[in-house]
Amino acid sequence: MDMKRPVRKAVIPVAGNGTRFLPATKAMPKEMLTIVDRPVVQYAVDEAMQAGIENIIFVTSRNKTAIEDYFDSAPELVATLTRSGKTVQVTQLEKMLPVAGTVSYTRQQVPLGLGHAVWCARELVGNEPFALLLPDMVSYGSQGCMAGLMDLYEEVGGNVFAVEECAPEETSSYGIVGVGRNVPHGFEVTGMVEKPKPAEAPSNYYLNGRYILQPEIFELLARQERGAGNEIQLTDSMHKLAQVQPFHAHPYQGRTFDCGSKRGFIEANVAFAMLRQDMGAEIYASIKQLMMSHETRVKAA
């Protein structure tokens, strides 16, 4: 079996309800909440495309049609912008529009966990390796996280995922991996432990939501075995697959924000805004002023 076949497809699960962002997500998908002026899901798509992915597969659910509309043409809007002479905006819209036939959608009718969402994409993925990007996890760095993962995959094949370091006392909040022999762009994974106590953690490297998996994962997910939270967990099938196929990890050198949490979402907005040439300096000055004002109020209290 060739375990270094090219990775052409990426699965992006967008079926979640986004309850942590209610009431905003009562009327819009959480993946369409914006980081500065681009929806969260756009960052995952851009990262995948920049890494060489050719086809995007969205796993959606009810009330997610806004995502399909977003990645579709908008002739009325383009016509209005053109009449107004807003050519920059027209160019931006044209650049983010996927090539026809490169985006697919499938439904997860019942929310049974991440493993189930991935399994729902099995027919569109077929018998080939695929990338998996969790859109809530938004990263930035000198190189895209998925691009670095591709570099590792080209070296070792098999199954790979990206990791980052957390504070040792925070291991009980993450899936933690064991560290084995170093390889170019990463290291062998000796084990995976879900939310271990700090004293029992094999390392402080946690999975940050970027994977390349072999298609045999679908056979394991098809068993529909329930795990934590009575859901079908992806990590449970990854544990089983690791018994017969190699796993490696790529330590990502950038930073990932968990935009599924309010704190991570706000931090991402601040970080990406400060990176922008058109507003970065002003945002930095405003935040600095807000911090000084906050410190003054705290001292007065």
Protein backbone atom coordinates (compact mmCIF):
# COMPACT_ATOMS: atom_id res chain seq x y z
CA MET A 1 0.00 0.00 0.00
CA ASP A 2 1.34 3.39 -1.04
CA MET A 3 1.09 5.68 2.00
CA LYS A 4 2.59 8.71 0.28
CA ARG A 5 -0.04 9.27 -2.39
CA PRO A 6 -0.74 12.94 -3.18
CA VAL A 7 -3.22 14.74 -0.95
CA ARG A 8 -5.74 16.46 -3.20
CA LYS A 9 -8.84 16.84 -1.03
CA ALA A 10 -9.57 18.57 2.25
CA VAL A 11 -12.52 18.01 4.56
CA ILE A 12 -13.77 21.02 6.55
CA PRO A 13 -16.53 20.20 9.08
CA VAL A 14 -18.95 23.13 9.50
CA ALA A 15 -21.99 21.37 10.96
CA GLY A 16 -21.71 22.60 14.57
CA ASN A 17 -24.41 24.73 16.19
CA GLY A 18 -22.11 27.37 17.66
CA THR A 19 -23.98 27.55 20.96
CA ARG A 20 -21.10 29.36 22.67
CA PHE A 21 -21.77 32.34 20.42
CA LEU A 22 -25.50 32.65 20.96
CA PRO A 23 -27.45 34.79 20.31
CA ALA A 24 -25.36 35.79 17.24
CA THR A 25 -25.36 32.23 15.87
CA LYS A 26 -29.15 32.02 16.08
CA ALA A 27 -29.23 33.80 12.73
CA MET A 28 -25.88 32.90 11.14
CA PRO A 29 -23.39 30.01 11.12
CA LYS A 30 -20.55 30.42 13.59
CA GLU A 31 -18.11 29.83 10.72
CA MET A 32 -19.36 33.06 9.11
CA LEU A 33 -18.41 35.22 12.09
CA THR A 34 -15.68 37.54 10.88
CA ILE A 35 -12.08 37.94 11.91
CA VAL A 36 -11.63 41.58 10.90
CA ASP A 37 -13.39 41.44 7.49
CA ARG A 38 -13.18 37.75 6.51
CA PRO A 39 -15.29 34.90 7.90
CA VAL A 40 -13.58 32.27 10.01
CA VAL A 41 -14.13 29.56 7.39
CA GLN A 42 -12.28 31.58 4.73
CA TYR A 43 -9.04 31.26 6.67
CA ALA A 44 -9.25 27.45 6.60
CA VAL A 45 -10.01 27.39 2.87
CA ASP A 46 -7.13 29.77 2.09
CA GLU A 47 -4.75 27.69 4.20
CA ALA A 48 -5.76 24.51 2.39
CA MET A 49 -5.45 26.03 -1.08
CA GLN A 50 -2.07 27.57 -0.29
CA ALA A 51 -0.87 24.09 0.71
CA GLY A 52 -1.80 22.69 -2.71
CA ILE A 53 -5.24 21.23 -1.96
CA GLU A 54 -7.39 21.02 -5.10
CA ASN A 55 -10.84 20.16 -3.72
CA ILE A 56 -12.67 21.34 -0.61
CA ILE A 57 -15.39 19.18 0.97
CA PHE A 58 -17.66 20.91 3.48
CA VAL A 59 -19.63 18.78 5.93
CA THR A 60 -22.64 20.96 6.66
CA SER A 61 -25.99 20.77 8.45
CA ARG A 62 -29.29 22.62 8.47
CA ASN A 63 -29.15 26.43 8.43
CA LYS A 64 -25.66 26.49 6.87
CA THR A 65 -26.66 27.70 3.40
CA ALA A 66 -24.91 31.01 4.07
CA ILE A 67 -21.59 29.16 3.68
CA GLU A 68 -22.63 27.81 0.27
CA ASP A 69 -23.79 31.29 -0.80
CA TYR A 70 -20.53 32.82 0.38
CA PHE A 71 -18.44 30.54 -1.84
CA ASP A 72 -20.68 31.21 -4.84
CA SER A 73 -20.76 34.06 -7.36
CA ALA A 74 -22.74 37.23 -6.56
CA PRO A 75 -23.47 38.86 -9.94
CA GLU A 76 -25.85 41.49 -8.55
CA LEU A 77 -23.31 42.61 -5.95
CA VAL A 78 -20.48 42.68 -8.51
CA ALA A 79 -22.63 44.73 -10.89
CA THR A 80 -23.44 47.23 -8.15
CA LEU A 81 -19.79 47.56 -7.11
CA THR A 82 -18.71 47.95 -10.75
CA ARG A 83 -21.22 50.73 -11.34
CA SER A 84 -19.88 52.47 -8.23
CA GLY A 85 -16.29 52.20 -9.45
CA LYS A 86 -15.28 49.96 -6.53
CA THR A 87 -12.86 47.86 -8.56
CA VAL A 88 -10.72 46.87 -5.56
CA GLN A 89 -13.68 45.17 -3.90
CA VAL A 90 -14.63 43.45 -7.17
CA THR A 91 -11.10 42.08 -7.49
CA GLN A 92 -11.20 40.81 -3.90
CA LEU A 93 -14.47 38.98 -4.54
CA GLU A 94 -13.14 37.41 -7.73
CA LYS A 95 -9.94 36.22 -6.04
CA MET A 96 -11.76 34.39 -3.22
CA LEU A 97 -14.21 32.64 -5.56
CA PRO A 98 -13.30 28.93 -5.92
CA VAL A 99 -12.82 27.42 -9.36
CA ALA A 100 -16.07 25.82 -10.55
CA GLY A 101 -16.38 22.21 -9.45
CA THR A 102 -13.69 22.35 -6.74
CA VAL A 103 -16.07 22.72 -3.77
CA SER A 104 -18.49 20.02 -2.61
CA TYR A 105 -21.03 19.78 0.21
CA THR A 106 -22.44 16.86 2.18
CA ARG A 107 -24.81 16.85 5.15
CA GLN A 108 -24.37 15.59 8.68
CA GLN A 109 -28.05 15.20 9.55
CA VAL A 110 -27.47 14.40 13.24
CA PRO A 111 -24.71 15.93 15.43
CA LEU A 112 -22.91 12.75 16.51
CA GLY A 113 -19.39 14.13 16.91
CA LEU A 114 -16.33 15.00 14.85
CA GLY A 115 -15.68 11.38 13.90
CA HIS A 116 -19.17 11.09 12.48
CA ALA A 117 -18.78 14.38 10.56
CA VAL A 118 -15.58 13.09 8.95
CA TRP A 119 -17.27 9.77 8.11
CA CYS A 120 -20.06 11.67 6.32
CA ALA A 121 -17.44 12.80 3.75
CA ARG A 122 -16.32 9.26 2.88
CA GLU A 123 -18.00 9.03 -0.53
CA LEU A 124 -16.61 12.39 -1.67
CA VAL A 125 -13.09 11.60 -0.42
CA GLY A 126 -12.97 8.09 -1.86
CA ASN A 127 -10.01 5.76 -1.40
CA GLU A 128 -7.27 8.35 -1.03
CA PRO A 129 -5.55 10.30 1.75
CA PHE A 130 -7.15 13.59 2.71
CA ALA A 131 -6.52 16.70 4.75
CA LEU A 132 -8.80 17.66 7.63
CA LEU A 133 -9.01 21.25 8.86
CA LEU A 134 -11.12 22.26 11.85
CA PRO A 135 -12.21 25.80 10.89
CA ASP A 136 -12.56 27.03 14.48
CA MET A 137 -8.78 26.72 14.79
CA VAL A 138 -7.34 29.75 12.98
CA SER A 139 -3.57 30.04 12.73
CA TYR A 140 -1.00 32.46 11.42
CA GLY A 141 2.75 32.32 10.99
CA SER A 142 5.51 32.66 8.42
CA GLN A 143 4.22 29.43 6.82
CA GLY A 144 0.68 28.09 6.76
CA CYS A 145 0.10 25.23 9.18
CA MET A 146 -1.21 22.87 6.48
CA ALA A 147 1.73 23.71 4.20
CA GLY A 148 4.12 22.61 6.95
CA LEU A 149 2.07 19.47 7.43
CA MET A 150 2.38 18.73 3.71
CA ASP A 151 6.16 19.03 3.98
CA LEU A 152 6.17 16.41 6.73
CA TYR A 153 3.80 14.14 4.78
CA GLU A 154 6.05 14.23 1.72
CA GLU A 155 8.90 13.01 3.92
CA VAL A 156 7.19 10.23 5.88
CA GLY A 157 3.73 9.56 4.39
CA GLY A 158 1.20 7.75 6.54
CA ASN A 159 -0.86 9.83 8.94
CA VAL A 160 0.32 13.20 10.20
CA PHE A 161 -1.07 16.04 12.25
CA ALA A 162 0.07 19.40 13.54
CA VAL A 163 0.86 20.11 17.17
CA GLU A 164 1.74 23.10 19.30
CA GLU A 165 3.11 23.45 22.80
CA CYS A 166 0.88 24.39 25.70
CA ALA A 167 1.88 25.29 29.24
CA PRO A 168 2.62 22.02 31.10
CA GLU A 169 -0.12 22.74 33.64
CA GLU A 170 -2.71 23.00 30.83
CA THR A 171 -2.36 19.49 29.39
CA SER A 172 -5.70 18.43 30.92
CA SER A 173 -7.44 20.70 28.40
CA TYR A 174 -6.03 19.06 25.25
CA GLY A 175 -5.26 15.87 23.38
CA ILE A 176 -1.55 15.31 24.10
CA VAL A 177 0.94 13.22 22.10
CA GLY A 178 4.01 11.22 23.01
CA VAL A 179 7.26 12.29 21.34
CA GLY A 180 9.44 9.77 19.54
CA ARG A 181 12.31 9.93 17.04
CA ASN A 182 12.89 13.20 15.20
CA VAL A 183 12.34 13.27 11.42
CA PRO A 184 12.55 16.18 8.94
CA HIS A 185 9.72 18.65 9.77
CA GLY A 186 8.56 16.69 12.81
CA PHE A 187 8.76 13.61 15.02
CA GLU A 188 7.28 10.15 15.44
CA VAL A 189 4.20 9.91 17.64
CA THR A 190 4.48 7.23 20.32
CA GLY A 191 0.98 7.66 21.70
CA MET A 192 -2.03 9.94 22.07
CA VAL A 193 -3.68 10.73 25.40
CA GLU A 194 -6.92 12.70 25.75
CA LYS A 195 -6.73 15.44 28.41
CA PRO A 196 -4.14 13.88 30.74
CA LYS A 197 -3.30 15.30 34.15
CA PRO A 198 -0.04 17.30 34.03
CA ALA A 199 1.81 14.68 36.06
CA GLU A 200 0.71 11.94 33.63
CA ALA A 201 1.14 13.79 30.33
CA PRO A 202 3.74 12.30 27.94
CA SER A 203 4.62 15.82 26.69
CA ASN A 204 3.07 19.28 26.35
CA TYR A 205 2.42 18.97 22.60
CA TYR A 206 -1.29 19.21 21.77
CA LEU A 207 -3.23 18.58 18.55
CA ASN A 208 -4.20 21.91 16.97
CA GLY A 209 -6.84 20.86 14.44
CA ARG A 210 -4.85 20.08 11.28
CA TYR A 211 -4.52 16.49 9.99
CA ILE A 212 -3.65 14.35 6.97
CA LEU A 213 -5.24 10.92 7.28
CA GLN A 214 -5.23 7.72 5.25
CA PRO A 215 -8.63 6.50 3.96
CA GLU A 216 -8.56 3.44 6.24
CA ILE A 217 -9.82 5.78 8.98
CA PHE A 218 -13.27 5.54 7.35
CA GLU A 219 -13.44 1.77 7.97
CA LEU A 220 -12.90 2.41 11.68
CA LEU A 221 -15.35 5.31 11.83
CA ALA A 222 -17.96 3.14 10.10
CA ARG A 223 -18.23 1.06 13.27
CA GLN A 224 -20.08 4.05 14.77
CA GLU A 225 -18.62 3.33 18.21
CA ARG A 226 -19.49 5.95 20.80
CA GLY A 227 -16.83 7.55 22.96
CA ALA A 228 -16.61 10.60 25.22
CA GLY A 229 -19.86 12.56 25.40
CA ASN A 230 -21.65 9.58 23.78
CA GLU A 231 -20.32 10.85 20.43
CA ILE A 232 -18.28 9.21 17.66
CA GLN A 233 -14.81 10.58 18.37
CA LEU A 234 -12.15 10.92 15.68
CA THR A 235 -9.34 10.35 18.19
CA ASP A 236 -10.74 6.93 19.13
CA SER A 237 -10.38 5.74 15.52
CA MET A 238 -6.97 7.40 15.24
CA HIS A 239 -5.84 5.33 18.24
CA LYS A 240 -6.91 2.15 16.46
CA LEU A 241 -5.33 3.19 13.16
CA ALA A 242 -2.05 3.94 14.94
CA GLN A 243 -1.78 0.24 15.79
CA VAL A 244 -1.27 -0.62 12.11
CA GLN A 245 -0.10 2.61 10.46
CA PRO A 246 2.53 5.20 11.44
CA PHE A 247 1.67 8.62 12.86
CA HIS A 248 3.95 11.65 12.87
CA ALA A 249 3.53 15.18 14.21
CA HIS A 250 4.60 18.55 12.83
CA PRO A 251 5.33 21.18 15.51
CA TYR A 252 3.75 24.33 14.08
CA GLN A 253 5.92 27.39 14.60
CA GLY A 254 3.10 29.94 14.32
CA ARG A 255 0.18 30.49 16.65
CA THR A 256 -3.32 29.02 16.57
CA PHE A 257 -6.41 30.72 18.00
CA ASP A 258 -9.40 28.66 19.11
CA CYS A 259 -12.14 30.74 17.53
CA GLY A 260 -14.75 28.36 18.88
CA SER A 261 -14.26 30.19 22.19
CA LYS A 262 -15.03 33.85 22.79
CA ARG A 263 -11.57 34.51 24.16
CA GLY A 264 -9.81 32.94 21.18
CA PHE A 265 -12.11 34.70 18.74
CA ILE A 266 -11.38 38.12 20.25
CA GLU A 267 -7.65 37.40 20.42
CA ALA A 268 -7.66 36.40 16.74
CA ASN A 269 -9.41 39.61 15.75
CA VAL A 270 -6.86 41.70 17.64
CA ALA A 271 -3.87 39.75 16.29
CA PHE A 272 -4.98 39.80 12.64
CA ALA A 273 -6.02 43.45 12.85
CA MET A 274 -2.56 44.43 14.11
CA LEU A 275 -0.98 42.55 11.19
CA ARG A 276 -2.87 44.68 8.69
CA GLN A 277 -0.94 47.51 7.04
CA ASP A 278 -4.11 49.57 6.64
CA MET A 279 -5.04 49.53 10.33
CA GLY A 280 -2.38 47.78 12.41
CA ALA A 281 -0.75 50.89 13.89
CA GLU A 282 -4.09 52.46 14.77
CA ILE A 283 -5.40 49.26 16.36
CA TYR A 284 -2.23 48.89 18.40
CA ALA A 285 -2.50 52.48 19.66
CA SER A 286 -6.19 52.00 20.53
CA ILE A 287 -5.53 48.78 22.45
CA LYS A 288 -2.66 50.39 24.30
CA GLN A 289 -4.93 53.28 25.30
CA LEU A 290 -7.68 50.89 26.39
CA MET A 291 -5.21 48.94 28.53
CA MET A 292 -3.99 52.11 30.23
CA SER A 293 -7.57 53.18 30.89
CA HIS A 294 -8.41 49.74 32.28
CA GLU A 295 -5.38 49.74 34.58
CA THR A 296 -6.36 53.19 35.87
CA ARG A 297 -9.89 52.01 36.69
CA VAL A 298 -8.58 48.90 38.44
CA LYS A 299 -6.23 50.97 40.59
CA ALA A 300 -9.02 53.41 41.43
CA ALA A 301 -11.28 50.56 42.45
